[in-house]
Amino acid sequence: MKTQMMAAVLYGKENLQVEPVGIPKIDDGDILVRVRVALTCGTDVKVFRRGYHARMIVPPAVFGHELAGDVVAVGKDVRTVSVGQRVVAANSAPCEECFFCRRGLQNLCEDLLFNNGAYAEYIRIPARIVERNTYRIPEHVSYHDAALVEPLACVLKGFEEAAPRPGDTIAIIGLGPIGLMFVRLAHLYGCRVVAIGRRRTQLDRAAAMGAHEMVRADQHANTVQAVRDLTGGHGADIAIEAVGKPETWHWAVDMVRRGGTVNFFGGCPNDSRVMLDTNLLHYSEITCKASFHHTPLYIRKALELVTRGDITSRAFVNSEEPLANLLEVMRHLMSHNGHLKTAIIP
């Protein structure tokens, strides 16, 4: 087997080079996966723009984390998968022993092991992720569809934590790939979806996903009033913020009904602050939640949705590029907000 591969190495802020590096060596519990598809992600674009991620990646490093591929080598202690199998590996695994893991909050694990390196010909999957968060891809599921499992797991966790009921009206702010996944899940669950976005193309995509009403995002007061007008003046039962800006966090609180729930799904830039109306929160009994990352349970649930065909890449991936073009892809995504995912083919 060859010893070198092509990989995308992040050196710092907007400094990315596709270059030859050594193929990762594996330990006894690890596996080596040949990457067939790696999907771009909004988090990767942020990492590219900022040059780092405090918890996930410190340059110089190969990055990318949404992948599906083939097992080409296994450590001597691996029993769960074998060479030749098609797998999807999550980008993290909890320790299952710390304070938070014992309370079922594996996404907040004090020793959460992250793994990056999907933008490469091969990726090493460390033993803990092999054991706890790597799954065989069913024969009828494509690599493109399987690679959606990681972001879908994050969305599914956020959706379920908002505790929706069939028939609820859910306002979804932000219609990038993540927001559109929320639209699709809410539609599948039997909810009435109000989709809020800035571009006509985003609203059209949301309608195709099953959104019932579309609101063109304008100023705060106009957008909130539009949602209230569509709900008889009461407001939405649930508002999900999938943008990651303090401004739209405020929108979500102001457009939810009394007794409703807000999910702050979009992570805002570091050092962001919001000031919320305490009277509104208290006397209207508004529940405010935030959702971060995923757990092995939600990776499994997401794979089940993909396996059933409820979620497919056709709706979320609209272009395909070779690994050599990743720098241009990242620059394009950085300057074209609202673009869907690109499948990188190493």
C-alpha atoms as a PDB file:
ATOM      1  CA  MET A   1       0.000   0.000   0.000  1.00  0.00           C
ATOM      2  CA  LYS A   2       1.247   3.511  -0.731  1.00  0.00           C
ATOM      3  CA  THR A   3       2.513   5.676   2.108  1.00  0.00           C
ATOM      4  CA  GLN A   4       1.418   9.131   0.878  1.00  0.00           C
ATOM      5  CA  MET A   5      -1.998  10.635   0.204  1.00  0.00           C
ATOM      6  CA  MET A   6      -3.443  13.969  -0.833  1.00  0.00           C
ATOM      7  CA  ALA A   7      -5.121  15.922   1.944  1.00  0.00           C
ATOM      8  CA  ALA A   8      -6.387  19.431   2.698  1.00  0.00           C
ATOM      9  CA  VAL A   9      -4.233  20.933   5.452  1.00  0.00           C
ATOM     10  CA  LEU A  10      -5.444  24.045   7.271  1.00  0.00           C
ATOM     11  CA  TYR A  11      -2.522  26.252   8.307  1.00  0.00           C
ATOM     12  CA  GLY A  12      -4.465  29.237   9.590  1.00  0.00           C
ATOM     13  CA  LYS A  13      -7.004  31.891   8.619  1.00  0.00           C
ATOM     14  CA  GLU A  14      -8.060  31.205   5.001  1.00  0.00           C
ATOM     15  CA  ASN A  15      -4.765  29.367   4.557  1.00  0.00           C
ATOM     16  CA  LEU A  16      -5.541  25.955   3.106  1.00  0.00           C
ATOM     17  CA  GLN A  17      -3.307  23.749   0.999  1.00  0.00           C
ATOM     18  CA  VAL A  18      -4.084  20.463  -0.706  1.00  0.00           C
ATOM     19  CA  GLU A  19      -0.787  18.623  -0.521  1.00  0.00           C
ATOM     20  CA  PRO A  20       0.784  15.193  -0.042  1.00  0.00           C
ATOM     21  CA  VAL A  21       0.964  13.959   3.552  1.00  0.00           C
ATOM     22  CA  GLY A  22       1.618  10.592   5.116  1.00  0.00           C
ATOM     23  CA  ILE A  23      -1.246   8.127   5.282  1.00  0.00           C
ATOM     24  CA  PRO A  24      -2.259   7.910   8.968  1.00  0.00           C
ATOM     25  CA  LYS A  25      -0.911   4.942  10.909  1.00  0.00           C
ATOM     26  CA  ILE A  26      -3.427   3.028  12.985  1.00  0.00           C
ATOM     27  CA  ASP A  27      -3.168   1.544  16.472  1.00  0.00           C
ATOM     28  CA  ASP A  28      -4.660  -1.746  17.638  1.00  0.00           C
ATOM     29  CA  GLY A  29      -8.197  -0.398  18.095  1.00  0.00           C
ATOM     30  CA  ASP A  30      -8.265   1.984  15.115  1.00  0.00           C
ATOM     31  CA  ILE A  31      -9.417   1.603  11.533  1.00  0.00           C
ATOM     32  CA  LEU A  32      -8.298   3.287   8.335  1.00  0.00           C
ATOM     33  CA  VAL A  33     -11.071   4.442   5.999  1.00  0.00           C
ATOM     34  CA  ARG A  34     -10.753   5.413   2.365  1.00  0.00           C
ATOM     35  CA  VAL A  35     -12.940   8.494   2.070  1.00  0.00           C
ATOM     36  CA  ARG A  36     -15.462   8.186  -0.741  1.00  0.00           C
ATOM     37  CA  VAL A  37     -17.448  11.350   0.033  1.00  0.00           C
ATOM     38  CA  ALA A  38     -16.774  14.261   2.382  1.00  0.00           C
ATOM     39  CA  LEU A  39     -19.450  16.950   2.637  1.00  0.00           C
ATOM     40  CA  THR A  40     -18.823  20.624   3.257  1.00  0.00           C
ATOM     41  CA  CYS A  41     -20.325  22.095   6.390  1.00  0.00           C
ATOM     42  CA  GLY A  42     -21.014  25.558   7.742  1.00  0.00           C
ATOM     43  CA  THR A  43     -18.727  24.763  10.674  1.00  0.00           C
ATOM     44  CA  ASP A  44     -15.892  23.961   8.260  1.00  0.00           C
ATOM     45  CA  VAL A  45     -16.429  27.302   6.532  1.00  0.00           C
ATOM     46  CA  LYS A  46     -16.203  29.054   9.928  1.00  0.00           C
ATOM     47  CA  VAL A  47     -13.020  27.112  10.718  1.00  0.00           C
ATOM     48  CA  PHE A  48     -11.573  28.127   7.342  1.00  0.00           C
ATOM     49  CA  ARG A  49     -12.479  31.787   7.916  1.00  0.00           C
ATOM     50  CA  ARG A  50     -11.169  31.920  11.497  1.00  0.00           C
ATOM     51  CA  GLY A  51      -8.259  29.523  11.066  1.00  0.00           C
ATOM     52  CA  TYR A  52      -9.095  27.323  14.046  1.00  0.00           C
ATOM     53  CA  HIS A  53     -11.842  25.824  16.212  1.00  0.00           C
ATOM     54  CA  ALA A  54     -11.267  25.977  19.948  1.00  0.00           C
ATOM     55  CA  ARG A  55     -12.622  22.490  20.587  1.00  0.00           C
ATOM     56  CA  MET A  56     -12.339  20.647  17.287  1.00  0.00           C
ATOM     57  CA  ILE A  57      -9.154  21.585  15.465  1.00  0.00           C
ATOM     58  CA  VAL A  58      -5.838  23.389  15.989  1.00  0.00           C
ATOM     59  CA  PRO A  59      -3.776  24.081  12.840  1.00  0.00           C
ATOM     60  CA  PRO A  60      -1.822  22.866  11.081  1.00  0.00           C
ATOM     61  CA  ALA A  61      -4.187  19.939  10.630  1.00  0.00           C
ATOM     62  CA  VAL A  62      -6.194  18.066   8.033  1.00  0.00           C
ATOM     63  CA  PHE A  63      -9.827  19.053   8.494  1.00  0.00           C
ATOM     64  CA  GLY A  64     -13.356  18.088   7.448  1.00  0.00           C
ATOM     65  CA  HIS A  65     -15.691  15.849   9.456  1.00  0.00           C
ATOM     66  CA  GLU A  66     -18.730  14.665   7.439  1.00  0.00           C
ATOM     67  CA  LEU A  67     -17.716  11.491   5.629  1.00  0.00           C
ATOM     68  CA  ALA A  68     -18.536   8.037   4.370  1.00  0.00           C
ATOM     69  CA  GLY A  69     -16.116   5.503   2.974  1.00  0.00           C
ATOM     70  CA  ASP A  70     -14.594   2.028   2.879  1.00  0.00           C
ATOM     71  CA  VAL A  71     -12.594   0.267   5.577  1.00  0.00           C
ATOM     72  CA  VAL A  72      -9.161  -0.558   4.150  1.00  0.00           C
ATOM     73  CA  ALA A  73      -7.290  -1.559   7.317  1.00  0.00           C
ATOM     74  CA  VAL A  74      -8.186  -2.518  10.894  1.00  0.00           C
ATOM     75  CA  GLY A  75      -6.176  -2.813  14.097  1.00  0.00           C
ATOM     76  CA  LYS A  76      -5.755  -6.256  15.596  1.00  0.00           C
ATOM     77  CA  ASP A  77      -8.255  -5.563  18.393  1.00  0.00           C
ATOM     78  CA  VAL A  78     -11.105  -4.368  16.144  1.00  0.00           C
ATOM     79  CA  ARG A  79     -14.118  -6.698  16.124  1.00  0.00           C
ATOM     80  CA  THR A  80     -17.016  -4.475  15.053  1.00  0.00           C
ATOM     81  CA  VAL A  81     -16.045  -3.817  11.417  1.00  0.00           C
ATOM     82  CA  SER A  82     -13.828  -5.493   8.840  1.00  0.00           C
ATOM     83  CA  VAL A  83     -11.859  -4.605   5.729  1.00  0.00           C
ATOM     84  CA  GLY A  84     -14.063  -3.966   2.709  1.00  0.00           C
ATOM     85  CA  GLN A  85     -17.124  -2.775   4.615  1.00  0.00           C
ATOM     86  CA  ARG A  86     -18.759   0.567   3.871  1.00  0.00           C
ATOM     87  CA  VAL A  87     -18.983   2.734   6.990  1.00  0.00           C
ATOM     88  CA  VAL A  88     -20.028   6.107   8.280  1.00  0.00           C
ATOM     89  CA  ALA A  89     -18.025   7.371  11.248  1.00  0.00           C
ATOM     90  CA  ALA A  90     -19.139  10.214  13.481  1.00  0.00           C
ATOM     91  CA  ASN A  91     -16.676  12.972  14.279  1.00  0.00           C
ATOM     92  CA  SER A  92     -16.713  12.378  18.022  1.00  0.00           C
ATOM     93  CA  ALA A  93     -17.260   9.867  20.796  1.00  0.00           C
ATOM     94  CA  PRO A  94     -17.876  10.443  24.517  1.00  0.00           C
ATOM     95  CA  CYS A  95     -15.971   8.798  27.360  1.00  0.00           C
ATOM     96  CA  GLU A  96     -19.185   7.400  28.956  1.00  0.00           C
ATOM     97  CA  GLU A  97     -17.605   7.825  32.417  1.00  0.00           C
ATOM     98  CA  CYS A  98     -17.559  11.526  33.322  1.00  0.00           C
ATOM     99  CA  PHE A  99     -20.090  13.615  35.263  1.00  0.00           C
ATOM    100  CA  PHE A 100     -22.060  14.552  32.129  1.00  0.00           C
ATOM    101  CA  CYS A 101     -21.951  11.166  30.412  1.00  0.00           C
ATOM    102  CA  ARG A 102     -23.393   9.532  33.544  1.00  0.00           C
ATOM    103  CA  ARG A 103     -26.308  11.959  33.244  1.00  0.00           C
ATOM    104  CA  GLY A 104     -27.003  11.135  29.595  1.00  0.00           C
ATOM    105  CA  LEU A 105     -25.391  14.335  28.306  1.00  0.00           C
ATOM    106  CA  GLN A 106     -22.686  12.718  26.177  1.00  0.00           C
ATOM    107  CA  ASN A 107     -22.481  15.776  23.918  1.00  0.00           C
ATOM    108  CA  LEU A 108     -21.156  17.712  26.935  1.00  0.00           C
ATOM    109  CA  CYS A 109     -18.612  14.998  27.806  1.00  0.00           C
ATOM    110  CA  GLU A 110     -15.603  16.373  29.683  1.00  0.00           C
ATOM    111  CA  ASP A 111     -13.343  14.231  27.482  1.00  0.00           C
ATOM    112  CA  LEU A 112     -15.259  14.368  24.198  1.00  0.00           C
ATOM    113  CA  LEU A 113     -12.939  12.961  21.550  1.00  0.00           C
ATOM    114  CA  PHE A 114     -13.172  14.863  18.250  1.00  0.00           C
ATOM    115  CA  ASN A 115     -11.840  13.567  14.956  1.00  0.00           C
ATOM    116  CA  ASN A 116     -11.104  15.592  11.827  1.00  0.00           C
ATOM    117  CA  GLY A 117      -9.467  14.792   8.519  1.00  0.00           C
ATOM    118  CA  ALA A 118     -12.275  13.949   6.100  1.00  0.00           C
ATOM    119  CA  TYR A 119     -10.872  16.152   3.324  1.00  0.00           C
ATOM    120  CA  ALA A 120      -8.293  13.537   2.431  1.00  0.00           C
ATOM    121  CA  GLU A 121      -7.939  10.250   0.609  1.00  0.00           C
ATOM    122  CA  TYR A 122      -7.790   8.344   3.892  1.00  0.00           C
ATOM    123  CA  ILE A 123      -8.766   9.050   7.485  1.00  0.00           C
ATOM    124  CA  ARG A 124      -7.859   7.296  10.718  1.00  0.00           C
ATOM    125  CA  ILE A 125     -10.836   6.553  12.947  1.00  0.00           C
ATOM    126  CA  PRO A 126      -9.599   6.264  16.554  1.00  0.00           C
ATOM    127  CA  ALA A 127     -10.552   3.297  18.701  1.00  0.00           C
ATOM    128  CA  ARG A 128     -13.150   5.053  20.842  1.00  0.00           C
ATOM    129  CA  ILE A 129     -15.073   6.255  17.782  1.00  0.00           C
ATOM    130  CA  VAL A 130     -14.711   2.823  16.138  1.00  0.00           C
ATOM    131  CA  GLU A 131     -16.237   1.221  19.223  1.00  0.00           C
ATOM    132  CA  ARG A 132     -18.970   3.731  20.012  1.00  0.00           C
ATOM    133  CA  ASN A 133     -19.836   5.780  16.934  1.00  0.00           C
ATOM    134  CA  THR A 134     -19.002   3.986  13.659  1.00  0.00           C
ATOM    135  CA  TYR A 135     -21.705   2.174  11.678  1.00  0.00           C
ATOM    136  CA  ARG A 136     -22.011   0.004   8.606  1.00  0.00           C
ATOM    137  CA  ILE A 137     -23.824   1.615   5.681  1.00  0.00           C
ATOM    138  CA  PRO A 138     -26.764  -0.450   4.397  1.00  0.00           C
ATOM    139  CA  GLU A 139     -26.259  -1.687   0.852  1.00  0.00           C
ATOM    140  CA  HIS A 140     -29.009   0.475  -0.655  1.00  0.00           C
ATOM    141  CA  VAL A 141     -27.713   3.718   0.938  1.00  0.00           C
ATOM    142  CA  SER A 142     -25.277   5.823  -1.098  1.00  0.00           C
ATOM    143  CA  TYR A 143     -22.085   7.347   0.277  1.00  0.00           C
ATOM    144  CA  HIS A 144     -23.552  10.809  -0.307  1.00  0.00           C
ATOM    145  CA  ASP A 145     -26.622   9.994   1.785  1.00  0.00           C
ATOM    146  CA  ALA A 146     -24.605   8.322   4.542  1.00  0.00           C
ATOM    147  CA  ALA A 147     -22.325  11.345   4.874  1.00  0.00           C
ATOM    148  CA  LEU A 148     -25.381  13.415   5.896  1.00  0.00           C
ATOM    149  CA  VAL A 149     -25.740  11.449   9.128  1.00  0.00           C
ATOM    150  CA  GLU A 150     -23.513  13.664  11.294  1.00  0.00           C
ATOM    151  CA  PRO A 151     -25.224  17.030  10.621  1.00  0.00           C
ATOM    152  CA  LEU A 152     -28.632  15.353  10.619  1.00  0.00           C
ATOM    153  CA  ALA A 153     -27.920  13.907  14.068  1.00  0.00           C
ATOM    154  CA  CYS A 154     -27.257  17.423  15.395  1.00  0.00           C
ATOM    155  CA  VAL A 155     -30.518  18.679  13.904  1.00  0.00           C
ATOM    156  CA  LEU A 156     -32.512  15.690  15.120  1.00  0.00           C
ATOM    157  CA  LYS A 157     -31.254  16.208  18.659  1.00  0.00           C
ATOM    158  CA  GLY A 158     -32.202  19.894  18.572  1.00  0.00           C
ATOM    159  CA  PHE A 159     -35.596  19.105  17.078  1.00  0.00           C
ATOM    160  CA  GLU A 160     -36.523  16.471  19.649  1.00  0.00           C
ATOM    161  CA  GLU A 161     -35.302  18.636  22.526  1.00  0.00           C
ATOM    162  CA  ALA A 162     -37.813  21.301  21.488  1.00  0.00           C
ATOM    163  CA  ALA A 163     -40.520  18.672  22.245  1.00  0.00           C
ATOM    164  CA  PRO A 164     -42.742  19.245  19.164  1.00  0.00           C
ATOM    165  CA  ARG A 165     -46.162  17.703  18.830  1.00  0.00           C
ATOM    166  CA  PRO A 166     -47.956  16.898  15.569  1.00  0.00           C
ATOM    167  CA  GLY A 167     -49.928  19.953  14.543  1.00  0.00           C
ATOM    168  CA  ASP A 168     -47.608  22.443  16.243  1.00  0.00           C
ATOM    169  CA  THR A 169     -46.571  25.514  14.302  1.00  0.00           C
ATOM    170  CA  ILE A 170     -42.784  25.716  14.088  1.00  0.00           C
ATOM    171  CA  ALA A 171     -41.049  28.869  12.891  1.00  0.00           C
ATOM    172  CA  ILE A 172     -37.586  28.117  11.503  1.00  0.00           C
ATOM    173  CA  ILE A 173     -35.226  31.081  11.100  1.00  0.00           C
ATOM    174  CA  GLY A 174     -32.417  30.433   8.626  1.00  0.00           C
ATOM    175  CA  LEU A 175     -32.669  28.217   5.559  1.00  0.00           C
ATOM    176  CA  GLY A 176     -29.179  26.946   4.928  1.00  0.00           C
ATOM    177  CA  PRO A 177     -28.694  23.162   4.901  1.00  0.00           C
ATOM    178  CA  ILE A 178     -29.271  22.957   8.671  1.00  0.00           C
ATOM    179  CA  GLY A 179     -32.446  25.053   8.586  1.00  0.00           C
ATOM    180  CA  LEU A 180     -33.736  23.007   5.666  1.00  0.00           C
ATOM    181  CA  MET A 181     -33.134  19.813   7.630  1.00  0.00           C
ATOM    182  CA  PHE A 182     -35.278  21.276  10.409  1.00  0.00           C
ATOM    183  CA  VAL A 183     -37.980  22.060   7.827  1.00  0.00           C
ATOM    184  CA  ARG A 184     -37.905  18.511   6.527  1.00  0.00           C
ATOM    185  CA  LEU A 185     -38.020  16.941   9.995  1.00  0.00           C
ATOM    186  CA  ALA A 186     -40.883  19.182  11.104  1.00  0.00           C
ATOM    187  CA  HIS A 187     -42.835  18.272   7.972  1.00  0.00           C
ATOM    188  CA  LEU A 188     -42.192  14.558   8.536  1.00  0.00           C
ATOM    189  CA  TYR A 189     -43.401  14.949  12.110  1.00  0.00           C
ATOM    190  CA  GLY A 190     -46.704  16.488  11.018  1.00  0.00           C
ATOM    191  CA  CYS A 191     -46.019  20.050  12.092  1.00  0.00           C
ATOM    192  CA  ARG A 192     -47.012  23.262  10.342  1.00  0.00           C
ATOM    193  CA  VAL A 193     -43.804  24.946   9.213  1.00  0.00           C
ATOM    194  CA  VAL A 194     -43.219  28.678   8.811  1.00  0.00           C
ATOM    195  CA  ALA A 195     -39.886  29.082   7.012  1.00  0.00           C
ATOM    196  CA  ILE A 196     -38.002  32.366   7.387  1.00  0.00           C
ATOM    197  CA  GLY A 197     -35.162  33.255   5.018  1.00  0.00           C
ATOM    198  CA  ARG A 198     -33.593  36.179   3.209  1.00  0.00           C
ATOM    199  CA  ARG A 199     -33.470  34.795  -0.327  1.00  0.00           C
ATOM    200  CA  ARG A 200     -36.191  33.613  -2.686  1.00  0.00           C
ATOM    201  CA  THR A 201     -34.135  30.530  -3.577  1.00  0.00           C
ATOM    202  CA  GLN A 202     -34.009  29.555   0.105  1.00  0.00           C
ATOM    203  CA  LEU A 203     -37.760  29.982   0.474  1.00  0.00           C
ATOM    204  CA  ASP A 204     -38.383  27.929  -2.659  1.00  0.00           C
ATOM    205  CA  ARG A 205     -36.208  25.128  -1.275  1.00  0.00           C
ATOM    206  CA  ALA A 206     -38.097  25.269   2.022  1.00  0.00           C
ATOM    207  CA  ALA A 207     -41.398  24.969   0.178  1.00  0.00           C
ATOM    208  CA  ALA A 208     -40.080  21.923  -1.655  1.00  0.00           C
ATOM    209  CA  MET A 209     -39.137  20.429   1.738  1.00  0.00           C
ATOM    210  CA  GLY A 210     -42.683  20.804   2.988  1.00  0.00           C
ATOM    211  CA  ALA A 211     -42.862  24.287   4.533  1.00  0.00           C
ATOM    212  CA  HIS A 212     -46.434  25.584   4.618  1.00  0.00           C
ATOM    213  CA  GLU A 213     -45.733  29.326   4.789  1.00  0.00           C
ATOM    214  CA  MET A 214     -42.691  31.320   3.756  1.00  0.00           C
ATOM    215  CA  VAL A 215     -41.624  34.645   5.264  1.00  0.00           C
ATOM    216  CA  ARG A 216     -39.020  36.826   3.569  1.00  0.00           C
ATOM    217  CA  ALA A 217     -36.804  38.021   6.409  1.00  0.00           C
ATOM    218  CA  ASP A 218     -36.873  41.790   6.723  1.00  0.00           C
ATOM    219  CA  GLN A 219     -36.475  44.021   9.752  1.00  0.00           C
ATOM    220  CA  HIS A 220     -37.092  42.546  13.202  1.00  0.00           C
ATOM    221  CA  ALA A 221     -40.559  44.007  13.739  1.00  0.00           C
ATOM    222  CA  ASN A 222     -41.770  43.119  10.235  1.00  0.00           C
ATOM    223  CA  THR A 223     -40.590  39.513  10.406  1.00  0.00           C
ATOM    224  CA  VAL A 224     -41.969  38.884  13.891  1.00  0.00           C
ATOM    225  CA  GLN A 225     -45.304  40.465  12.953  1.00  0.00           C
ATOM    226  CA  ALA A 226     -45.522  38.338   9.817  1.00  0.00           C
ATOM    227  CA  VAL A 227     -45.182  35.174  11.918  1.00  0.00           C
ATOM    228  CA  ARG A 228     -47.775  36.422  14.390  1.00  0.00           C
ATOM    229  CA  ASP A 229     -50.171  37.278  11.566  1.00  0.00           C
ATOM    230  CA  LEU A 230     -49.843  33.705  10.275  1.00  0.00           C
ATOM    231  CA  THR A 231     -50.670  32.311  13.719  1.00  0.00           C
ATOM    232  CA  GLY A 232     -53.758  34.309  14.607  1.00  0.00           C
ATOM    233  CA  GLY A 233     -51.690  36.766  16.616  1.00  0.00           C
ATOM    234  CA  HIS A 234     -50.495  34.161  19.122  1.00  0.00           C
ATOM    235  CA  GLY A 235     -47.059  33.352  17.728  1.00  0.00           C
ATOM    236  CA  ALA A 236     -45.429  30.037  16.895  1.00  0.00           C
ATOM    237  CA  ASP A 237     -45.527  27.093  19.285  1.00  0.00           C
ATOM    238  CA  ILE A 238     -41.799  26.588  18.694  1.00  0.00           C
ATOM    239  CA  ALA A 239     -39.197  28.910  17.177  1.00  0.00           C
ATOM    240  CA  ILE A 240     -35.869  27.470  16.030  1.00  0.00           C
ATOM    241  CA  GLU A 241     -32.967  29.831  15.354  1.00  0.00           C
ATOM    242  CA  ALA A 242     -30.609  28.274  12.795  1.00  0.00           C
ATOM    243  CA  VAL A 243     -28.550  31.331  11.852  1.00  0.00           C
ATOM    244  CA  GLY A 244     -26.252  32.026  14.777  1.00  0.00           C
ATOM    245  CA  LYS A 245     -26.640  35.780  15.216  1.00  0.00           C
ATOM    246  CA  PRO A 246     -27.738  37.665  18.354  1.00  0.00           C
ATOM    247  CA  GLU A 247     -30.241  39.592  16.216  1.00  0.00           C
ATOM    248  CA  THR A 248     -32.089  36.464  15.146  1.00  0.00           C
ATOM    249  CA  TRP A 249     -31.938  35.021  18.665  1.00  0.00           C
ATOM    250  CA  HIS A 250     -34.100  38.024  19.599  1.00  0.00           C
ATOM    251  CA  TRP A 251     -36.417  37.332  16.682  1.00  0.00           C
ATOM    252  CA  ALA A 252     -37.014  33.793  17.915  1.00  0.00           C
ATOM    253  CA  VAL A 253     -38.003  34.918  21.409  1.00  0.00           C
ATOM    254  CA  ASP A 254     -40.336  37.598  20.103  1.00  0.00           C
ATOM    255  CA  MET A 255     -42.176  35.376  17.603  1.00  0.00           C
ATOM    256  CA  VAL A 256     -42.997  32.473  19.920  1.00  0.00           C
ATOM    257  CA  ARG A 257     -46.355  32.265  21.680  1.00  0.00           C
ATOM    258  CA  ARG A 258     -47.008  32.372  25.419  1.00  0.00           C
ATOM    259  CA  GLY A 259     -45.951  29.027  26.852  1.00  0.00           C
ATOM    260  CA  GLY A 260     -43.910  28.313  23.726  1.00  0.00           C
ATOM    261  CA  THR A 261     -40.366  27.043  23.284  1.00  0.00           C
ATOM    262  CA  VAL A 262     -37.333  28.641  21.652  1.00  0.00           C
ATOM    263  CA  ASN A 263     -34.345  26.588  20.520  1.00  0.00           C
ATOM    264  CA  PHE A 264     -31.160  28.603  20.032  1.00  0.00           C
ATOM    265  CA  PHE A 265     -29.557  26.134  17.653  1.00  0.00           C
ATOM    266  CA  GLY A 266     -27.267  28.498  15.774  1.00  0.00           C
ATOM    267  CA  GLY A 267     -24.025  29.194  17.600  1.00  0.00           C
ATOM    268  CA  CYS A 268     -23.140  32.890  17.676  1.00  0.00           C
ATOM    269  CA  PRO A 269     -19.592  34.283  17.317  1.00  0.00           C
ATOM    270  CA  ASN A 270     -17.395  34.252  20.427  1.00  0.00           C
ATOM    271  CA  ASP A 271     -18.127  36.957  23.014  1.00  0.00           C
ATOM    272  CA  SER A 272     -21.659  37.549  21.667  1.00  0.00           C
ATOM    273  CA  ARG A 273     -24.241  38.767  24.165  1.00  0.00           C
ATOM    274  CA  VAL A 274     -28.026  39.043  24.042  1.00  0.00           C
ATOM    275  CA  MET A 275     -30.377  41.033  26.287  1.00  0.00           C
ATOM    276  CA  LEU A 276     -33.789  39.425  26.660  1.00  0.00           C
ATOM    277  CA  ASP A 277     -36.959  40.904  28.104  1.00  0.00           C
ATOM    278  CA  THR A 278     -37.266  39.237  31.511  1.00  0.00           C
ATOM    279  CA  ASN A 279     -40.942  40.214  31.869  1.00  0.00           C
ATOM    280  CA  LEU A 280     -41.704  38.547  28.542  1.00  0.00           C
ATOM    281  CA  LEU A 281     -39.863  35.349  29.476  1.00  0.00           C
ATOM    282  CA  HIS A 282     -41.362  35.181  32.963  1.00  0.00           C
ATOM    283  CA  TYR A 283     -44.980  36.168  32.452  1.00  0.00           C
ATOM    284  CA  SER A 284     -45.334  34.371  29.124  1.00  0.00           C
ATOM    285  CA  GLU A 285     -43.598  31.249  30.491  1.00  0.00           C
ATOM    286  CA  ILE A 286     -41.274  30.944  27.504  1.00  0.00           C
ATOM    287  CA  THR A 287     -38.875  28.036  27.539  1.00  0.00           C
ATOM    288  CA  CYS A 288     -35.433  28.832  26.110  1.00  0.00           C
ATOM    289  CA  LYS A 289     -33.149  25.982  25.115  1.00  0.00           C
ATOM    290  CA  ALA A 290     -29.887  25.580  23.257  1.00  0.00           C
ATOM    291  CA  SER A 291     -28.637  22.481  21.446  1.00  0.00           C
ATOM    292  CA  PHE A 292     -25.031  21.575  20.765  1.00  0.00           C
ATOM    293  CA  HIS A 293     -23.546  18.706  18.762  1.00  0.00           C
ATOM    294  CA  HIS A 294     -24.910  15.136  18.884  1.00  0.00           C
ATOM    295  CA  THR A 295     -24.654  11.855  20.801  1.00  0.00           C
ATOM    296  CA  PRO A 296     -24.265   8.248  19.597  1.00  0.00           C
ATOM    297  CA  LEU A 297     -28.009   7.786  20.093  1.00  0.00           C
ATOM    298  CA  TYR A 298     -28.774  10.565  17.612  1.00  0.00           C
ATOM    299  CA  ILE A 299     -26.195   9.322  15.126  1.00  0.00           C
ATOM    300  CA  ARG A 300     -28.065   6.004  15.122  1.00  0.00           C
ATOM    301  CA  LYS A 301     -31.437   7.740  14.804  1.00  0.00           C
ATOM    302  CA  ALA A 302     -30.151   9.854  11.916  1.00  0.00           C
ATOM    303  CA  LEU A 303     -28.838   6.775  10.126  1.00  0.00           C
ATOM    304  CA  GLU A 304     -32.266   5.192  10.493  1.00  0.00           C
ATOM    305  CA  LEU A 305     -33.897   8.230   8.845  1.00  0.00           C
ATOM    306  CA  VAL A 306     -31.415   8.087   5.980  1.00  0.00           C
ATOM    307  CA  THR A 307     -31.843   4.321   5.637  1.00  0.00           C
ATOM    308  CA  ARG A 308     -35.627   4.738   5.319  1.00  0.00           C
ATOM    309  CA  GLY A 309     -35.140   7.388   2.641  1.00  0.00           C
ATOM    310  CA  ASP A 310     -36.822  10.124   4.713  1.00  0.00           C
ATOM    311  CA  ILE A 311     -33.725  12.316   4.286  1.00  0.00           C
ATOM    312  CA  THR A 312     -31.536  12.099   1.177  1.00  0.00           C
ATOM    313  CA  SER A 313     -28.573  14.059  -0.138  1.00  0.00           C
ATOM    314  CA  ARG A 314     -30.511  15.071  -3.244  1.00  0.00           C
ATOM    315  CA  ALA A 315     -32.124  17.908  -1.307  1.00  0.00           C
ATOM    316  CA  PHE A 316     -29.006  19.151   0.484  1.00  0.00           C
ATOM    317  CA  VAL A 317     -26.044  18.542  -1.831  1.00  0.00           C
ATOM    318  CA  ASN A 318     -26.117  20.444  -5.101  1.00  0.00           C
ATOM    319  CA  SER A 319     -22.566  20.164  -6.417  1.00  0.00           C
ATOM    320  CA  GLU A 320     -19.573  17.846  -6.503  1.00  0.00           C
ATOM    321  CA  GLU A 321     -15.878  18.739  -6.692  1.00  0.00           C
ATOM    322  CA  PRO A 322     -12.535  16.945  -6.491  1.00  0.00           C
ATOM    323  CA  LEU A 323     -10.373  17.435  -3.418  1.00  0.00           C
ATOM    324  CA  ALA A 324      -7.963  19.581  -5.456  1.00  0.00           C
ATOM    325  CA  ASN A 325     -10.669  22.265  -5.754  1.00  0.00           C
ATOM    326  CA  LEU A 326     -11.441  22.534  -2.028  1.00  0.00           C
ATOM    327  CA  LEU A 327      -9.826  25.963  -1.572  1.00  0.00           C
ATOM    328  CA  GLU A 328     -12.030  27.438  -4.318  1.00  0.00           C
ATOM    329  CA  VAL A 329     -15.059  25.678  -2.816  1.00  0.00           C
ATOM    330  CA  MET A 330     -14.388  27.171   0.619  1.00  0.00           C
ATOM    331  CA  ARG A 331     -13.938  30.666  -0.816  1.00  0.00           C
ATOM    332  CA  HIS A 332     -17.184  30.294  -2.748  1.00  0.00           C
ATOM    333  CA  LEU A 333     -19.104  29.115   0.316  1.00  0.00           C
ATOM    334  CA  MET A 334     -17.680  31.969   2.374  1.00  0.00           C
ATOM    335  CA  SER A 335     -18.952  34.555  -0.117  1.00  0.00           C
ATOM    336  CA  HIS A 336     -22.225  32.869  -1.093  1.00  0.00           C
ATOM    337  CA  ASN A 337     -24.290  32.569   2.075  1.00  0.00           C
ATOM    338  CA  GLY A 338     -27.182  30.145   1.690  1.00  0.00           C
ATOM    339  CA  HIS A 339     -25.383  27.774  -0.694  1.00  0.00           C
ATOM    340  CA  LEU A 340     -26.092  24.094  -0.153  1.00  0.00           C
ATOM    341  CA  LYS A 341     -23.491  21.436   0.555  1.00  0.00           C
ATOM    342  CA  THR A 342     -20.755  20.392  -1.857  1.00  0.00           C
ATOM    343  CA  ALA A 343     -19.628  16.782  -2.036  1.00  0.00           C
ATOM    344  CA  ILE A 344     -15.830  16.565  -2.065  1.00  0.00           C
ATOM    345  CA  ILE A 345     -14.579  13.414  -3.794  1.00  0.00           C
ATOM    346  CA  PRO A 346     -10.991  12.601  -2.722  1.00  0.00           C
END
